[in-house]
Amino acid sequence: MPAKSNVVTIKAKISQGPSVPLWNPHSSMWHYIDPQGHVQGPFPLISLQGWHDSRYFSPDFKVWQAGQSQDQSVLLVDILSKFFPVRCQYSRDVNYQSML
């Protein structure tokens, strides 16, 4: 009897989406609304990560990807946690420690 394999094959359905690759934080472009109500961007996600690290944005700050509408905005922290999971965990730990 052959040994069972621990390998799992995952098939992903590729859907139509924006022309900007979602997987590259240097080319994934995003917009946001500034405090004066003006649309800003698009900016690469890597720039938004840097500004987030410098605490320019509030925790409820929302962004939307270039090619999408503002109605499709999502929390920046949610997007960053998908692209930079280890870094975001570290950021949360540091923020927690600074509150003690």
N, C-alpha and C. Protein backbone atom coordinates (compact mmCIF):
# COMPACT_ATOMS: atom_id res chain seq x y z
N MET A 1 0.85 -1.17 0.00
CA MET A 1 0.00 0.00 0.00
C MET A 1 0.90 1.24 0.00
N PRO A 2 0.69 2.18 -0.95
CA PRO A 2 1.52 3.38 -0.99
C PRO A 2 1.27 4.27 0.22
N ALA A 3 2.33 4.94 0.64
CA ALA A 3 2.21 5.86 1.78
C ALA A 3 1.36 7.07 1.38
N LYS A 4 0.62 7.57 2.35
CA LYS A 4 -0.20 8.77 2.09
C LYS A 4 0.71 9.97 1.96
N SER A 5 0.36 10.83 1.06
CA SER A 5 1.14 12.05 0.85
C SER A 5 0.54 13.18 1.65
N ASN A 6 1.40 14.00 2.20
CA ASN A 6 0.95 15.20 2.92
C ASN A 6 0.84 16.40 2.00
N VAL A 7 1.07 16.19 0.71
CA VAL A 7 1.02 17.27 -0.26
C VAL A 7 -0.42 17.51 -0.65
N VAL A 8 -0.81 18.75 -0.62
CA VAL A 8 -2.16 19.14 -1.01
C VAL A 8 -2.05 20.03 -2.24
N THR A 9 -2.84 19.72 -3.25
CA THR A 9 -2.86 20.55 -4.44
C THR A 9 -4.00 21.54 -4.32
N ILE A 10 -3.67 22.80 -4.51
CA ILE A 10 -4.68 23.85 -4.44
C ILE A 10 -4.82 24.45 -5.82
N LYS A 11 -6.04 24.47 -6.31
CA LYS A 11 -6.31 25.09 -7.60
C LYS A 11 -6.98 26.42 -7.35
N ALA A 12 -6.40 27.45 -7.91
CA ALA A 12 -6.94 28.81 -7.72
C ALA A 12 -7.63 29.27 -8.99
N LYS A 13 -8.75 29.87 -8.82
CA LYS A 13 -9.45 30.46 -9.95
C LYS A 13 -8.95 31.89 -10.10
N ILE A 14 -8.45 32.20 -11.27
CA ILE A 14 -7.97 33.55 -11.54
C ILE A 14 -9.12 34.34 -12.15
N SER A 15 -9.49 35.41 -11.49
CA SER A 15 -10.61 36.21 -11.97
C SER A 15 -10.10 37.49 -12.62
N GLN A 16 -10.96 38.11 -13.37
CA GLN A 16 -10.63 39.39 -13.98
C GLN A 16 -10.53 40.43 -12.86
N GLY A 17 -9.53 41.25 -12.91
CA GLY A 17 -9.37 42.27 -11.89
C GLY A 17 -8.59 43.43 -12.45
N PRO A 18 -8.10 44.29 -11.58
CA PRO A 18 -7.34 45.44 -12.06
C PRO A 18 -6.07 44.96 -12.76
N SER A 19 -5.57 45.80 -13.66
CA SER A 19 -4.37 45.43 -14.40
C SER A 19 -3.13 45.44 -13.53
N VAL A 20 -3.19 46.06 -12.37
CA VAL A 20 -2.05 46.11 -11.46
C VAL A 20 -2.02 44.81 -10.66
N PRO A 21 -0.88 44.12 -10.62
CA PRO A 21 -0.82 42.88 -9.85
C PRO A 21 -1.08 43.14 -8.37
N LEU A 22 -1.96 42.34 -7.79
CA LEU A 22 -2.29 42.50 -6.38
C LEU A 22 -1.15 42.01 -5.49
N TRP A 23 -0.25 41.18 -6.00
CA TRP A 23 0.74 40.52 -5.17
C TRP A 23 2.01 41.32 -4.97
N ASN A 24 2.20 42.41 -5.66
CA ASN A 24 3.45 43.15 -5.55
C ASN A 24 3.20 44.49 -4.86
N PRO A 25 3.70 44.67 -3.63
CA PRO A 25 3.45 45.92 -2.91
C PRO A 25 4.11 47.13 -3.55
N HIS A 26 5.03 46.91 -4.49
CA HIS A 26 5.67 48.03 -5.18
C HIS A 26 4.85 48.51 -6.37
N SER A 27 4.02 47.63 -6.92
CA SER A 27 3.23 48.02 -8.09
C SER A 27 1.73 48.05 -7.81
N SER A 28 1.31 47.56 -6.68
CA SER A 28 -0.10 47.60 -6.31
C SER A 28 -0.43 49.03 -5.88
N MET A 29 -1.29 49.70 -6.62
CA MET A 29 -1.55 51.13 -6.42
C MET A 29 -2.89 51.37 -5.72
N TRP A 30 -2.91 52.33 -4.81
CA TRP A 30 -4.07 52.58 -3.97
C TRP A 30 -4.36 54.07 -3.83
N HIS A 31 -5.65 54.38 -3.61
CA HIS A 31 -6.12 55.75 -3.37
C HIS A 31 -6.64 55.86 -1.94
N TYR A 32 -6.77 57.09 -1.48
CA TYR A 32 -7.41 57.34 -0.19
C TYR A 32 -7.98 58.76 -0.19
N ILE A 33 -8.80 59.06 0.81
CA ILE A 33 -9.35 60.40 1.01
C ILE A 33 -8.56 61.07 2.12
N ASP A 34 -8.03 62.27 1.84
CA ASP A 34 -7.26 62.98 2.86
C ASP A 34 -8.22 63.67 3.85
N PRO A 35 -7.69 64.23 4.94
CA PRO A 35 -8.56 64.87 5.94
C PRO A 35 -9.41 66.02 5.40
N GLN A 36 -9.00 66.62 4.27
CA GLN A 36 -9.78 67.71 3.67
C GLN A 36 -10.85 67.17 2.71
N GLY A 37 -10.93 65.85 2.56
CA GLY A 37 -11.95 65.25 1.70
C GLY A 37 -11.53 65.08 0.25
N HIS A 38 -10.25 65.27 -0.06
CA HIS A 38 -9.75 65.13 -1.43
C HIS A 38 -9.20 63.73 -1.68
N VAL A 39 -9.48 63.20 -2.86
CA VAL A 39 -8.92 61.91 -3.25
C VAL A 39 -7.42 62.08 -3.51
N GLN A 40 -6.63 61.22 -2.94
CA GLN A 40 -5.18 61.23 -3.13
C GLN A 40 -4.75 59.91 -3.77
N GLY A 41 -3.70 59.97 -4.56
CA GLY A 41 -3.15 58.76 -5.15
C GLY A 41 -3.30 58.74 -6.65
N PRO A 42 -2.92 57.67 -7.24
CA PRO A 42 -2.59 56.40 -6.56
C PRO A 42 -1.16 56.38 -6.05
N PHE A 43 -0.98 55.63 -4.98
CA PHE A 43 0.32 55.43 -4.36
C PHE A 43 0.59 53.93 -4.27
N PRO A 44 1.86 53.53 -4.36
CA PRO A 44 2.17 52.11 -4.17
C PRO A 44 1.94 51.72 -2.71
N LEU A 45 1.54 50.50 -2.52
CA LEU A 45 1.25 50.01 -1.17
C LEU A 45 2.48 50.11 -0.26
N ILE A 46 3.65 49.96 -0.83
CA ILE A 46 4.86 50.05 -0.02
C ILE A 46 5.01 51.45 0.59
N SER A 47 4.56 52.49 -0.12
CA SER A 47 4.57 53.85 0.44
C SER A 47 3.56 53.98 1.57
N LEU A 48 2.37 53.43 1.36
CA LEU A 48 1.35 53.48 2.41
C LEU A 48 1.82 52.74 3.65
N GLN A 49 2.56 51.64 3.45
CA GLN A 49 3.11 50.90 4.60
C GLN A 49 4.06 51.79 5.39
N GLY A 50 4.93 52.51 4.70
CA GLY A 50 5.87 53.41 5.38
C GLY A 50 5.15 54.50 6.14
N TRP A 51 4.15 55.09 5.52
CA TRP A 51 3.39 56.15 6.19
C TRP A 51 2.61 55.60 7.38
N HIS A 52 2.09 54.39 7.22
CA HIS A 52 1.40 53.73 8.33
C HIS A 52 2.36 53.51 9.49
N ASP A 53 3.57 53.01 9.17
CA ASP A 53 4.58 52.78 10.21
C ASP A 53 4.95 54.08 10.93
N SER A 54 4.88 55.20 10.21
CA SER A 54 5.19 56.51 10.80
C SER A 54 3.97 57.12 11.49
N ARG A 55 2.88 56.36 11.51
CA ARG A 55 1.63 56.74 12.20
C ARG A 55 0.96 57.98 11.63
N TYR A 56 1.02 58.10 10.29
CA TYR A 56 0.31 59.20 9.64
C TYR A 56 -1.19 58.91 9.53
N PHE A 57 -1.57 57.66 9.63
CA PHE A 57 -2.97 57.26 9.43
C PHE A 57 -3.58 56.71 10.71
N SER A 58 -4.88 56.96 10.86
CA SER A 58 -5.62 56.41 12.00
C SER A 58 -5.90 54.92 11.76
N PRO A 59 -6.25 54.17 12.81
CA PRO A 59 -6.54 52.74 12.65
C PRO A 59 -7.72 52.45 11.72
N ASP A 60 -8.63 53.41 11.57
CA ASP A 60 -9.80 53.18 10.71
C ASP A 60 -9.62 53.77 9.30
N PHE A 61 -8.38 54.04 8.92
CA PHE A 61 -8.05 54.63 7.62
C PHE A 61 -8.36 53.64 6.49
N LYS A 62 -9.09 54.12 5.47
CA LYS A 62 -9.50 53.25 4.37
C LYS A 62 -8.83 53.65 3.06
N VAL A 63 -8.61 52.64 2.23
CA VAL A 63 -8.01 52.81 0.91
C VAL A 63 -8.78 51.96 -0.09
N TRP A 64 -8.61 52.27 -1.38
CA TRP A 64 -9.16 51.41 -2.42
C TRP A 64 -8.15 51.32 -3.54
N GLN A 65 -8.17 50.18 -4.21
CA GLN A 65 -7.18 49.91 -5.24
C GLN A 65 -7.49 50.69 -6.52
N ALA A 66 -6.44 51.12 -7.21
CA ALA A 66 -6.60 51.81 -8.50
C ALA A 66 -7.43 50.92 -9.41
N GLY A 67 -8.38 51.53 -10.10
CA GLY A 67 -9.27 50.77 -10.96
C GLY A 67 -10.57 50.38 -10.27
N GLN A 68 -10.63 50.60 -8.96
CA GLN A 68 -11.85 50.33 -8.21
C GLN A 68 -12.48 51.66 -7.79
N SER A 69 -13.68 51.59 -7.25
CA SER A 69 -14.35 52.80 -6.79
C SER A 69 -14.14 52.97 -5.28
N GLN A 70 -14.37 54.17 -4.83
CA GLN A 70 -14.24 54.47 -3.40
C GLN A 70 -15.19 53.60 -2.57
N ASP A 71 -16.30 53.19 -3.17
CA ASP A 71 -17.25 52.32 -2.48
C ASP A 71 -16.63 50.97 -2.11
N GLN A 72 -15.55 50.61 -2.76
CA GLN A 72 -14.88 49.34 -2.51
C GLN A 72 -13.70 49.50 -1.55
N SER A 73 -13.66 50.61 -0.82
CA SER A 73 -12.55 50.86 0.09
C SER A 73 -12.55 49.84 1.24
N VAL A 74 -11.34 49.59 1.72
CA VAL A 74 -11.12 48.64 2.81
C VAL A 74 -10.14 49.26 3.80
N LEU A 75 -10.09 48.72 4.98
CA LEU A 75 -9.15 49.23 5.98
C LEU A 75 -7.72 48.98 5.53
N LEU A 76 -6.90 50.00 5.62
CA LEU A 76 -5.50 49.87 5.26
C LEU A 76 -4.82 48.77 6.08
N VAL A 77 -5.12 48.69 7.36
CA VAL A 77 -4.49 47.67 8.21
C VAL A 77 -4.82 46.26 7.73
N ASP A 78 -6.01 46.06 7.17
CA ASP A 78 -6.37 44.74 6.64
C ASP A 78 -5.53 44.40 5.41
N ILE A 79 -5.34 45.37 4.53
CA ILE A 79 -4.53 45.15 3.33
C ILE A 79 -3.08 44.91 3.73
N LEU A 80 -2.56 45.72 4.63
CA LEU A 80 -1.17 45.58 5.04
C LEU A 80 -0.92 44.23 5.70
N SER A 81 -1.89 43.73 6.46
CA SER A 81 -1.70 42.44 7.12
C SER A 81 -1.64 41.29 6.11
N LYS A 82 -2.23 41.47 4.94
CA LYS A 82 -2.16 40.45 3.89
C LYS A 82 -0.82 40.50 3.17
N PHE A 83 -0.30 41.68 2.94
CA PHE A 83 0.96 41.84 2.23
C PHE A 83 2.17 41.68 3.14
N PHE A 84 2.04 42.14 4.38
CA PHE A 84 3.16 42.15 5.32
C PHE A 84 2.75 41.51 6.65
N PRO A 85 2.36 40.23 6.66
CA PRO A 85 1.79 39.65 7.89
C PRO A 85 2.73 39.68 9.09
N VAL A 86 3.99 39.39 8.90
CA VAL A 86 4.94 39.39 10.03
C VAL A 86 5.15 40.80 10.53
N ARG A 87 5.32 41.73 9.61
CA ARG A 87 5.56 43.13 9.96
C ARG A 87 4.36 43.71 10.71
N CYS A 88 3.15 43.37 10.26
CA CYS A 88 1.95 43.90 10.93
C CYS A 88 1.80 43.33 12.32
N GLN A 89 2.15 42.05 12.50
CA GLN A 89 2.09 41.46 13.84
C GLN A 89 3.07 42.18 14.76
N TYR A 90 4.28 42.45 14.25
CA TYR A 90 5.27 43.18 15.03
C TYR A 90 4.76 44.58 15.38
N SER A 91 4.13 45.24 14.41
CA SER A 91 3.60 46.58 14.62
C SER A 91 2.53 46.57 15.71
N ARG A 92 1.64 45.56 15.68
CA ARG A 92 0.61 45.46 16.71
C ARG A 92 1.25 45.22 18.08
N ASP A 93 2.28 44.37 18.14
CA ASP A 93 2.96 44.09 19.41
C ASP A 93 3.60 45.36 19.94
N VAL A 94 4.27 46.11 19.09
CA VAL A 94 4.93 47.34 19.50
C VAL A 94 3.91 48.34 19.98
N ASN A 95 2.80 48.49 19.24
CA ASN A 95 1.76 49.43 19.65
C ASN A 95 1.16 49.05 21.01
N TYR A 96 0.99 47.75 21.23
CA TYR A 96 0.46 47.29 22.50
C TYR A 96 1.44 47.62 23.63
N GLN A 97 2.73 47.35 23.38
CA GLN A 97 3.73 47.63 24.40
C GLN A 97 3.79 49.12 24.72
N SER A 98 3.60 49.98 23.72
CA SER A 98 3.69 51.41 23.96
C SER A 98 2.50 51.94 24.77
N MET A 99 1.43 51.13 24.82
CA MET A 99 0.24 51.56 25.57
C MET A 99 0.35 51.19 27.05
N LEU A 100 1.31 50.31 27.40
CA LEU A 100 1.44 49.87 28.81
C LEU A 100 2.09 50.92 29.67
